[in-house]
Amino acid sequence: MANGATRRRAGQRGDSRPGERLLDRELDHLPPEMRWREWMNRVEAVIFAAAEPVGRETLARIVGKSCSIDLLIDDIREELRGRPYDLVAVAGGWRHLTRPAYADAIHVAVGAGEKTADLTQSEMLVLMCIGYFQPITRGELSSFFGKEVSRDMIGRLRGAKLIASGPRSPTPGAPYTYVTTKEFLLEFGLDTLRNLPDFEALEDAGLLSKEKLLAGDIPVGLSGSEPDESEEEPAEDTVERQGS
């Protein structure tokens, strides 16, 4: 009877997950070293099992209140030195990722794995500009490049879920702006937009030529056939802005 009353009171307090009431987070019965090891094991197990990056709030539910998530992650990463995979901060959380040195071996053994975006240099340039200057309209992108950025290109980037609609611009006509998404961060292995590389890094990677950009020598593929500058939002898309 008492147990039933306890469960009802717990439900009234709004406990978010029933399993949390059964999990000993503090582990006060363990010596400090064993307690820390158990917390490390829990964190690594949850990240390993998750299909998406695991955020700090989620990890805090499985360790003690005084536990530092950052220090736990540091210790786990230290133990993974020399392993072919690591814990990487991406899209506001952590996930296991194999090290780049083993990409060829993985491709030969199991294929390409998860589908990644196959972007042309023109699409990469437009995506880069959206990443740096968001929220930005298609008209503003066109002005930046000196050539029209077609709705088809914007549609392809939206279809790849790398960009989404942002707020309407306060300029005449209130055109839609575009912003990057969580998928954008995942695609390029970024934790937040603050991790975007500078122009020099993009140039070193062969994704951008400053000389060509300044000279207006933009790769073919930006322009489309539609002369109408009005922006119409596809009905099936939802507004999803990725904050920095």
Protein backbone atom coordinates (compact mmCIF):
# COMPACT_ATOMS: atom_id res chain seq x y z
CA MET A 1 0.00 0.00 0.00
CA ALA A 2 2.83 2.34 0.96
CA ASN A 3 4.68 1.51 -2.23
CA GLY A 4 1.61 2.38 -4.30
CA ALA A 5 1.27 5.71 -2.54
CA THR A 6 4.95 6.42 -3.15
CA ARG A 7 4.54 5.70 -6.87
CA ARG A 8 1.50 8.01 -7.04
CA ARG A 9 3.39 10.82 -5.30
CA ALA A 10 6.32 10.35 -7.67
CA GLY A 11 3.95 10.58 -10.63
CA GLN A 12 2.41 13.74 -9.22
CA ARG A 13 5.87 15.31 -8.94
CA GLY A 14 6.20 14.88 -12.70
CA ASP A 15 9.20 12.53 -12.86
CA SER A 16 10.10 12.56 -16.56
CA ARG A 17 11.03 8.90 -17.02
CA PRO A 18 9.87 5.95 -14.89
CA GLY A 19 13.25 4.19 -15.25
CA GLU A 20 15.06 7.09 -13.64
CA ARG A 21 13.44 6.32 -10.28
CA LEU A 22 15.00 2.85 -10.42
CA LEU A 23 18.49 3.99 -11.40
CA ASP A 24 20.95 4.73 -8.62
CA ARG A 25 22.62 7.83 -10.02
CA GLU A 26 24.72 8.80 -7.01
CA LEU A 27 26.25 5.36 -6.29
CA ASP A 28 27.18 6.47 -2.78
CA HIS A 29 27.82 2.88 -1.73
CA LEU A 30 30.83 2.66 -4.06
CA PRO A 31 34.34 3.96 -3.41
CA PRO A 32 35.08 7.14 -5.44
CA GLU A 33 37.25 5.36 -8.03
CA MET A 34 34.67 2.63 -8.72
CA ARG A 35 31.88 5.22 -8.77
CA TRP A 36 33.72 7.25 -11.43
CA ARG A 37 34.38 4.12 -13.48
CA GLU A 38 30.70 3.16 -13.41
CA TRP A 39 29.70 6.66 -14.52
CA MET A 40 32.22 6.43 -17.38
CA ASN A 41 30.81 3.07 -18.43
CA ARG A 42 27.23 4.37 -18.37
CA VAL A 43 28.06 7.43 -20.45
CA GLU A 44 30.01 5.45 -23.04
CA ALA A 45 27.29 2.79 -23.26
CA VAL A 46 24.53 5.36 -23.82
CA ILE A 47 26.51 7.19 -26.51
CA PHE A 48 27.42 3.89 -28.19
CA ALA A 49 23.78 2.76 -28.28
CA ALA A 50 22.31 6.03 -29.51
CA ALA A 51 21.60 6.66 -33.19
CA GLU A 52 22.00 10.44 -32.77
CA PRO A 53 24.48 12.58 -30.82
CA VAL A 54 23.71 12.45 -27.10
CA GLY A 55 23.43 15.81 -25.34
CA ARG A 56 24.63 16.88 -21.93
CA GLU A 57 21.11 16.93 -20.47
CA THR A 58 20.58 13.29 -21.38
CA LEU A 59 23.90 12.17 -19.90
CA ALA A 60 23.21 14.11 -16.69
CA ARG A 61 20.25 11.78 -16.02
CA ILE A 62 22.50 8.75 -15.58
CA VAL A 63 25.27 10.13 -13.33
CA GLY A 64 25.46 11.83 -9.96
CA LYS A 65 24.50 15.46 -9.51
CA SER A 66 28.07 16.45 -8.67
CA CYS A 67 29.56 14.57 -11.63
CA SER A 68 31.31 16.61 -14.34
CA ILE A 69 30.21 15.38 -17.77
CA ASP A 70 33.16 17.14 -19.40
CA LEU A 71 35.70 15.39 -17.17
CA LEU A 72 34.01 12.03 -17.81
CA ILE A 73 34.21 12.60 -21.57
CA ASP A 74 37.86 13.61 -21.26
CA ASP A 75 38.70 10.40 -19.39
CA ILE A 76 36.80 8.24 -21.89
CA ARG A 77 38.58 9.90 -24.81
CA GLU A 78 41.91 9.38 -23.09
CA GLU A 79 41.20 5.66 -22.85
CA LEU A 80 40.24 5.60 -26.53
CA ARG A 81 43.63 6.92 -27.66
CA GLY A 82 45.07 4.43 -30.12
CA ARG A 83 41.63 2.98 -30.86
CA PRO A 84 40.16 3.33 -34.37
CA TYR A 85 37.25 5.40 -33.03
CA ASP A 86 36.73 8.35 -30.70
CA LEU A 87 34.04 10.34 -28.89
CA VAL A 88 33.41 13.49 -30.90
CA ALA A 89 31.38 16.58 -30.06
CA VAL A 90 28.93 17.12 -32.91
CA ALA A 91 25.56 18.86 -33.30
CA GLY A 92 25.33 19.78 -29.63
CA GLY A 93 26.09 16.30 -28.29
CA TRP A 94 28.59 13.46 -28.42
CA ARG A 95 28.79 10.42 -30.64
CA HIS A 96 31.22 7.63 -31.50
CA LEU A 97 32.96 8.24 -34.83
CA THR A 98 35.63 6.19 -36.53
CA ARG A 99 38.91 7.97 -37.19
CA PRO A 100 39.49 9.30 -40.72
CA ALA A 101 42.55 7.07 -41.18
CA TYR A 102 40.25 4.03 -41.37
CA ALA A 103 37.76 5.43 -43.88
CA ASP A 104 39.21 3.44 -46.81
CA ALA A 105 39.16 0.17 -44.87
CA ILE A 106 35.55 0.71 -43.82
CA HIS A 107 34.53 1.57 -47.38
CA VAL A 108 36.15 -1.59 -48.76
CA ALA A 109 34.65 -3.81 -46.05
CA VAL A 110 31.09 -2.54 -45.72
CA GLY A 111 30.62 0.08 -48.42
CA ALA A 112 29.99 3.75 -48.00
CA GLY A 113 27.78 3.34 -44.93
CA GLU A 114 25.42 6.22 -44.22
CA LYS A 115 24.54 8.31 -47.24
CA THR A 116 26.36 11.62 -47.35
CA ALA A 117 25.53 14.67 -49.41
CA ASP A 118 27.12 14.72 -52.86
CA LEU A 119 27.54 18.45 -53.44
CA THR A 120 28.86 20.27 -56.48
CA GLN A 121 31.27 23.14 -55.92
CA SER A 122 28.49 25.60 -56.73
CA GLU A 123 26.23 24.03 -54.11
CA MET A 124 29.09 24.01 -51.61
CA LEU A 125 29.68 27.72 -52.21
CA VAL A 126 26.02 28.56 -51.68
CA LEU A 127 25.82 26.32 -48.61
CA MET A 128 28.97 27.94 -47.23
CA CYS A 129 27.44 31.41 -47.64
CA ILE A 130 24.24 30.34 -45.92
CA GLY A 131 26.29 28.89 -43.07
CA TYR A 132 28.24 32.08 -42.52
CA PHE A 133 25.59 34.71 -43.21
CA GLN A 134 22.32 33.09 -42.11
CA PRO A 135 19.54 34.00 -42.07
CA ILE A 136 19.92 35.01 -45.72
CA THR A 137 17.48 35.27 -48.62
CA ARG A 138 17.94 33.85 -52.12
CA GLY A 139 18.08 37.41 -53.43
CA GLU A 140 20.90 38.24 -51.04
CA LEU A 141 22.76 35.12 -52.11
CA SER A 142 22.35 36.14 -55.74
CA SER A 143 23.68 39.62 -54.98
CA PHE A 144 26.67 38.12 -53.20
CA PHE A 145 27.61 35.99 -56.20
CA GLY A 146 26.57 38.45 -58.89
CA LYS A 147 24.50 35.71 -60.51
CA GLU A 148 21.08 34.34 -59.75
CA VAL A 149 21.00 31.45 -57.29
CA SER A 150 18.22 29.30 -58.67
CA ARG A 151 15.28 27.94 -56.73
CA ASP A 152 16.30 24.51 -58.04
CA MET A 153 19.62 24.75 -56.22
CA ILE A 154 17.94 25.90 -53.02
CA GLY A 155 15.51 23.00 -53.45
CA ARG A 156 18.35 20.50 -53.74
CA LEU A 157 19.98 21.76 -50.56
CA ARG A 158 16.62 21.64 -48.80
CA GLY A 159 16.00 18.15 -50.14
CA ALA A 160 19.32 17.06 -48.63
CA LYS A 161 18.05 18.56 -45.33
CA LEU A 162 21.16 20.75 -45.10
CA ILE A 163 19.15 23.98 -45.02
CA ALA A 164 15.66 24.95 -43.95
CA SER A 165 13.45 28.03 -43.90
CA GLY A 166 14.29 30.77 -41.48
CA PRO A 167 12.23 33.83 -40.55
CA ARG A 168 10.87 36.07 -43.26
CA SER A 169 13.12 38.97 -44.13
CA PRO A 170 11.94 42.47 -43.10
CA THR A 171 12.76 43.66 -46.63
CA PRO A 172 9.99 44.46 -49.18
CA GLY A 173 8.01 41.39 -50.13
CA ALA A 174 9.08 39.61 -46.92
CA PRO A 175 10.97 36.81 -48.71
CA TYR A 176 11.92 33.69 -46.82
CA THR A 177 15.41 33.40 -45.43
CA TYR A 178 17.43 30.20 -45.24
CA VAL A 179 19.40 28.73 -42.37
CA THR A 180 21.43 25.59 -41.80
CA THR A 181 20.06 22.57 -39.92
CA LYS A 182 21.18 19.94 -37.46
CA GLU A 183 21.84 17.69 -40.46
CA PHE A 184 24.27 20.32 -41.71
CA LEU A 185 26.23 20.05 -38.46
CA LEU A 186 26.16 16.25 -38.63
CA GLU A 187 27.23 16.20 -42.27
CA PHE A 188 30.32 18.29 -41.61
CA GLY A 189 31.11 17.02 -38.13
CA LEU A 190 30.51 20.36 -36.38
CA ASP A 191 29.43 20.81 -32.80
CA THR A 192 28.00 24.29 -33.38
CA LEU A 193 28.13 26.92 -36.11
CA ARG A 194 31.01 28.52 -34.22
CA ASN A 195 33.11 25.60 -35.44
CA LEU A 196 32.75 26.60 -39.09
CA PRO A 197 36.21 26.84 -40.70
CA ASP A 198 37.53 30.16 -41.90
CA PHE A 199 37.85 31.02 -45.59
CA GLU A 200 41.52 30.01 -45.62
CA ALA A 201 40.65 26.49 -44.48
CA LEU A 202 37.98 26.19 -47.17
CA GLU A 203 40.47 27.35 -49.78
CA ASP A 204 43.08 24.85 -48.57
CA ALA A 205 40.47 22.10 -48.89
CA GLY A 206 39.80 23.12 -52.50
CA LEU A 207 36.21 24.14 -51.75
CA LEU A 208 36.64 27.85 -52.35
CA SER A 209 38.91 30.09 -54.39
CA LYS A 210 39.15 33.64 -53.10
CA GLU A 211 40.55 34.88 -56.40
CA LYS A 212 37.66 33.42 -58.38
CA LEU A 213 35.10 34.69 -55.89
CA LEU A 214 36.49 38.23 -55.89
CA ALA A 215 36.73 38.21 -59.68
CA GLY A 216 33.12 37.07 -60.01
CA ASP A 217 34.23 33.83 -61.63
CA ILE A 218 31.52 31.69 -60.05
CA PRO A 219 31.26 28.06 -61.20
CA VAL A 220 28.49 27.27 -63.66
CA GLY A 221 25.35 25.95 -62.02
CA LEU A 222 24.14 28.82 -59.87
CA SER A 223 21.70 30.29 -62.37
CA GLY A 224 18.36 28.80 -63.21
CA SER A 225 15.79 29.48 -65.87
CA GLU A 226 13.24 31.19 -63.67
CA PRO A 227 13.35 34.99 -63.90
CA ASP A 228 10.79 35.55 -61.15
CA GLU A 229 12.45 36.69 -57.92
CA SER A 230 9.45 36.06 -55.69
CA GLU A 231 9.94 33.38 -53.07
CA GLU A 232 7.31 30.71 -52.50
CA GLU A 233 7.67 28.35 -49.61
CA PRO A 234 7.05 24.66 -50.45
CA ALA A 235 4.11 23.45 -48.41
CA GLU A 236 5.79 20.24 -47.31
CA ASP A 237 8.73 21.92 -45.65
CA THR A 238 8.66 22.97 -42.01
CA VAL A 239 10.53 25.84 -40.49
CA GLU A 240 13.56 24.52 -38.64
CA ARG A 241 16.30 26.88 -37.65
CA GLN A 242 19.55 25.59 -36.23
CA GLY A 243 20.82 27.98 -33.63
CA SER A 244 24.51 28.77 -33.22
